[in-house]
Amino acid sequence: MPLRLGPAGVPLSCKGRTIVEGMDDITSLGLDAMEIQTVRTVQPKNFDQYWQAGILSWNSDLEMNLHGPYYAELLGTRRERNRTLTKMEASMQAGKIVNARHLVYHVGPYGEYEPGSRGQRASRKRLRRRSRKGQSNLGRQI
């Protein structure tokens, strides 16, 4: 497996702040990977950028990765789990659009929880089912 180097997000040296302009800057810096950050939430207004980035990454040798939202609470209440799963599903869709090779999530308990709860198993099952839709390889190891 080749080693690929690149920044998390649009490089600070980039004049513009869009993903596509960041991709151009990354290529000119001699790097070959980029991680798109969606650490708060996936913004619907950015899907046009994701689409353009997907086309560009498909036509170039730039590897795209996506960092999903922080505070992924899969062990909390039903409301917290559903909110987290909705954000994760939106980031899976964005990852598919940009041809992301990897999706990164930081999951963990952010409050009180009971290990091995039914909610935890149901969350994993829902993510697996959603990641398989459209024969995507994203999220298969959840």
C-alpha atoms as a PDB file:
ATOM      1  CA  MET A   1       0.000   0.000   0.000  1.00  0.00           C
ATOM      2  CA  PRO A   2       1.495   3.358  -0.997  1.00  0.00           C
ATOM      3  CA  LEU A   3       1.986   6.109   1.543  1.00  0.00           C
ATOM      4  CA  ARG A   4       0.015   9.246   0.690  1.00  0.00           C
ATOM      5  CA  LEU A   5       0.478  12.581   2.419  1.00  0.00           C
ATOM      6  CA  GLY A   6      -1.883  15.509   2.589  1.00  0.00           C
ATOM      7  CA  PRO A   7      -3.568  17.976   4.921  1.00  0.00           C
ATOM      8  CA  ALA A   8      -6.752  17.762   6.913  1.00  0.00           C
ATOM      9  CA  GLY A   9      -8.902  20.370   5.261  1.00  0.00           C
ATOM     10  CA  VAL A  10      -7.998  23.212   2.926  1.00  0.00           C
ATOM     11  CA  PRO A  11      -4.320  24.173   3.388  1.00  0.00           C
ATOM     12  CA  LEU A  12      -3.652  27.480   5.116  1.00  0.00           C
ATOM     13  CA  SER A  13      -1.482  28.501   2.145  1.00  0.00           C
ATOM     14  CA  CYS A  14      -4.538  28.331  -0.134  1.00  0.00           C
ATOM     15  CA  LYS A  15      -5.881  31.719  -1.222  1.00  0.00           C
ATOM     16  CA  GLY A  16      -9.416  30.417  -1.598  1.00  0.00           C
ATOM     17  CA  ARG A  17     -11.212  28.442   1.088  1.00  0.00           C
ATOM     18  CA  THR A  18     -13.191  25.980  -1.038  1.00  0.00           C
ATOM     19  CA  ILE A  19     -12.455  22.277  -1.272  1.00  0.00           C
ATOM     20  CA  VAL A  20     -11.719  22.452  -5.016  1.00  0.00           C
ATOM     21  CA  GLU A  21      -9.271  25.354  -4.584  1.00  0.00           C
ATOM     22  CA  GLY A  22      -7.672  23.392  -1.750  1.00  0.00           C
ATOM     23  CA  MET A  23      -7.267  20.385  -4.028  1.00  0.00           C
ATOM     24  CA  ASP A  24      -5.439  22.539  -6.595  1.00  0.00           C
ATOM     25  CA  ASP A  25      -3.160  23.901  -3.878  1.00  0.00           C
ATOM     26  CA  ILE A  26      -2.437  20.413  -2.522  1.00  0.00           C
ATOM     27  CA  THR A  27      -1.423  19.217  -5.978  1.00  0.00           C
ATOM     28  CA  SER A  28       0.864  22.238  -6.480  1.00  0.00           C
ATOM     29  CA  LEU A  29       2.496  21.484  -3.098  1.00  0.00           C
ATOM     30  CA  GLY A  30       3.346  17.986  -4.356  1.00  0.00           C
ATOM     31  CA  LEU A  31       0.976  16.202  -1.967  1.00  0.00           C
ATOM     32  CA  ASP A  32      -1.429  13.471  -3.012  1.00  0.00           C
ATOM     33  CA  ALA A  33      -4.183  13.190  -0.389  1.00  0.00           C
ATOM     34  CA  MET A  34      -6.787  15.387   1.289  1.00  0.00           C
ATOM     35  CA  GLU A  35      -9.116  14.913   4.220  1.00  0.00           C
ATOM     36  CA  ILE A  36     -12.373  16.828   3.988  1.00  0.00           C
ATOM     37  CA  GLN A  37     -13.483  17.937   7.423  1.00  0.00           C
ATOM     38  CA  THR A  38     -17.144  17.757   8.323  1.00  0.00           C
ATOM     39  CA  VAL A  39     -16.480  17.835  12.050  1.00  0.00           C
ATOM     40  CA  ARG A  40     -19.668  19.673  13.013  1.00  0.00           C
ATOM     41  CA  THR A  41     -22.138  18.536  10.385  1.00  0.00           C
ATOM     42  CA  VAL A  42     -22.420  17.958   6.651  1.00  0.00           C
ATOM     43  CA  GLN A  43     -23.771  21.169   5.162  1.00  0.00           C
ATOM     44  CA  PRO A  44     -26.207  20.738   2.246  1.00  0.00           C
ATOM     45  CA  LYS A  45     -24.848  23.977   0.764  1.00  0.00           C
ATOM     46  CA  ASN A  46     -21.473  22.222   0.330  1.00  0.00           C
ATOM     47  CA  PHE A  47     -22.786  19.364  -1.810  1.00  0.00           C
ATOM     48  CA  ASP A  48     -21.996  21.344  -4.963  1.00  0.00           C
ATOM     49  CA  GLN A  49     -18.367  21.539  -3.790  1.00  0.00           C
ATOM     50  CA  TYR A  50     -18.406  17.839  -2.904  1.00  0.00           C
ATOM     51  CA  TRP A  51     -19.665  17.006  -6.377  1.00  0.00           C
ATOM     52  CA  GLN A  52     -16.935  19.115  -8.043  1.00  0.00           C
ATOM     53  CA  ALA A  53     -14.296  17.594  -5.741  1.00  0.00           C
ATOM     54  CA  GLY A  54     -15.529  14.100  -6.614  1.00  0.00           C
ATOM     55  CA  ILE A  55     -15.135  14.724 -10.330  1.00  0.00           C
ATOM     56  CA  LEU A  56     -11.694  16.262  -9.808  1.00  0.00           C
ATOM     57  CA  SER A  57     -10.510  13.412  -7.565  1.00  0.00           C
ATOM     58  CA  TRP A  58     -11.815  10.838 -10.040  1.00  0.00           C
ATOM     59  CA  ASN A  59      -9.789  12.453 -12.844  1.00  0.00           C
ATOM     60  CA  SER A  60      -6.622  12.930 -10.792  1.00  0.00           C
ATOM     61  CA  ASP A  61      -4.431  10.842  -8.528  1.00  0.00           C
ATOM     62  CA  LEU A  62      -5.530  12.753  -5.408  1.00  0.00           C
ATOM     63  CA  GLU A  63      -6.858  10.446  -2.684  1.00  0.00           C
ATOM     64  CA  MET A  64      -9.833  11.857  -0.835  1.00  0.00           C
ATOM     65  CA  ASN A  65     -10.798  10.988   2.736  1.00  0.00           C
ATOM     66  CA  LEU A  66     -13.542  12.400   4.902  1.00  0.00           C
ATOM     67  CA  HIS A  67     -13.603  13.155   8.619  1.00  0.00           C
ATOM     68  CA  GLY A  68     -17.105  12.771   9.977  1.00  0.00           C
ATOM     69  CA  PRO A  69     -18.722  14.796  12.747  1.00  0.00           C
ATOM     70  CA  TYR A  70     -17.216  14.763  16.236  1.00  0.00           C
ATOM     71  CA  TYR A  71     -19.150  13.676  19.310  1.00  0.00           C
ATOM     72  CA  ALA A  72     -20.598  10.570  17.726  1.00  0.00           C
ATOM     73  CA  GLU A  73     -22.719   9.292  20.592  1.00  0.00           C
ATOM     74  CA  LEU A  74     -23.748   5.730  19.802  1.00  0.00           C
ATOM     75  CA  LEU A  75     -24.180   4.738  23.421  1.00  0.00           C
ATOM     76  CA  GLY A  76     -26.494   7.494  24.625  1.00  0.00           C
ATOM     77  CA  THR A  77     -30.224   7.941  24.602  1.00  0.00           C
ATOM     78  CA  ARG A  78     -32.320   7.098  21.558  1.00  0.00           C
ATOM     79  CA  ARG A  79     -32.449  10.797  20.647  1.00  0.00           C
ATOM     80  CA  GLU A  80     -28.646  11.169  20.857  1.00  0.00           C
ATOM     81  CA  ARG A  81     -28.093   7.988  18.828  1.00  0.00           C
ATOM     82  CA  ASN A  82     -30.539   9.043  16.119  1.00  0.00           C
ATOM     83  CA  ARG A  83     -28.930  12.490  15.862  1.00  0.00           C
ATOM     84  CA  THR A  84     -25.490  10.864  15.547  1.00  0.00           C
ATOM     85  CA  LEU A  85     -26.657   8.290  12.999  1.00  0.00           C
ATOM     86  CA  THR A  86     -28.280  10.988  10.871  1.00  0.00           C
ATOM     87  CA  LYS A  87     -25.010  12.958  10.819  1.00  0.00           C
ATOM     88  CA  MET A  88     -23.007   9.814  10.025  1.00  0.00           C
ATOM     89  CA  GLU A  89     -25.346   8.857   7.187  1.00  0.00           C
ATOM     90  CA  ALA A  90     -25.052  12.362   5.687  1.00  0.00           C
ATOM     91  CA  SER A  91     -21.263  12.153   5.861  1.00  0.00           C
ATOM     92  CA  MET A  92     -21.372   8.705   4.177  1.00  0.00           C
ATOM     93  CA  GLN A  93     -23.327  10.278   1.327  1.00  0.00           C
ATOM     94  CA  ALA A  94     -20.779  13.114   1.083  1.00  0.00           C
ATOM     95  CA  GLY A  95     -17.946  10.564   1.185  1.00  0.00           C
ATOM     96  CA  LYS A  96     -19.470   8.661  -1.695  1.00  0.00           C
ATOM     97  CA  ILE A  97     -19.825  11.860  -3.727  1.00  0.00           C
ATOM     98  CA  VAL A  98     -16.157  12.865  -3.247  1.00  0.00           C
ATOM     99  CA  ASN A  99     -14.903   9.297  -3.864  1.00  0.00           C
ATOM    100  CA  ALA A 100     -13.546   9.083  -0.324  1.00  0.00           C
ATOM    101  CA  ARG A 101     -11.338   6.084   0.286  1.00  0.00           C
ATOM    102  CA  HIS A 102     -11.737   6.305   4.081  1.00  0.00           C
ATOM    103  CA  LEU A 103     -14.232   7.826   6.487  1.00  0.00           C
ATOM    104  CA  VAL A 104     -13.076   8.672  10.000  1.00  0.00           C
ATOM    105  CA  TYR A 105     -15.382   8.912  13.033  1.00  0.00           C
ATOM    106  CA  HIS A 106     -14.523   9.386  16.674  1.00  0.00           C
ATOM    107  CA  VAL A 107     -17.145   7.466  18.581  1.00  0.00           C
ATOM    108  CA  GLY A 108     -17.297   7.063  22.292  1.00  0.00           C
ATOM    109  CA  PRO A 109     -19.337   7.556  25.400  1.00  0.00           C
ATOM    110  CA  TYR A 110     -19.942  11.197  26.197  1.00  0.00           C
ATOM    111  CA  GLY A 111     -22.226  10.463  29.118  1.00  0.00           C
ATOM    112  CA  GLU A 112     -23.621   7.583  31.151  1.00  0.00           C
ATOM    113  CA  TYR A 113     -24.283   4.361  29.285  1.00  0.00           C
ATOM    114  CA  GLU A 114     -24.799   0.670  29.797  1.00  0.00           C
ATOM    115  CA  PRO A 115     -22.297  -1.534  27.886  1.00  0.00           C
ATOM    116  CA  GLY A 116     -23.781  -3.876  25.282  1.00  0.00           C
ATOM    117  CA  SER A 117     -27.154  -2.178  25.286  1.00  0.00           C
ATOM    118  CA  ARG A 118     -29.765  -2.953  22.631  1.00  0.00           C
ATOM    119  CA  GLY A 119     -29.465   0.625  21.387  1.00  0.00           C
ATOM    120  CA  GLN A 120     -25.763   0.167  20.719  1.00  0.00           C
ATOM    121  CA  ARG A 121     -26.361  -2.997  18.692  1.00  0.00           C
ATOM    122  CA  ALA A 122     -29.229  -1.351  16.816  1.00  0.00           C
ATOM    123  CA  SER A 123     -26.993   1.628  15.949  1.00  0.00           C
ATOM    124  CA  ARG A 124     -24.294  -0.612  14.473  1.00  0.00           C
ATOM    125  CA  LYS A 125     -26.911  -2.575  12.534  1.00  0.00           C
ATOM    126  CA  ARG A 126     -28.428   0.616  11.107  1.00  0.00           C
ATOM    127  CA  LEU A 127     -25.007   1.921  10.030  1.00  0.00           C
ATOM    128  CA  ARG A 128     -24.105  -1.362   8.357  1.00  0.00           C
ATOM    129  CA  ARG A 129     -27.409  -1.402   6.483  1.00  0.00           C
ATOM    130  CA  ARG A 130     -26.992   2.223   5.335  1.00  0.00           C
ATOM    131  CA  SER A 131     -23.371   1.694   4.279  1.00  0.00           C
ATOM    132  CA  ARG A 132     -24.384  -1.246   2.070  1.00  0.00           C
ATOM    133  CA  LYS A 133     -27.059   0.752   0.254  1.00  0.00           C
ATOM    134  CA  GLY A 134     -25.858   1.444  -3.256  1.00  0.00           C
ATOM    135  CA  GLN A 135     -23.122  -1.200  -2.828  1.00  0.00           C
ATOM    136  CA  SER A 136     -20.835   1.251  -1.075  1.00  0.00           C
ATOM    137  CA  ASN A 137     -17.754  -0.024   0.752  1.00  0.00           C
ATOM    138  CA  LEU A 138     -17.938   2.860   3.184  1.00  0.00           C
ATOM    139  CA  GLY A 139     -18.421   1.883   6.785  1.00  0.00           C
ATOM    140  CA  ARG A 140     -18.216  -1.871   6.274  1.00  0.00           C
ATOM    141  CA  GLN A 141     -16.061  -2.375   9.378  1.00  0.00           C
ATOM    142  CA  ILE A 142     -18.545  -0.848  11.810  1.00  0.00           C
END
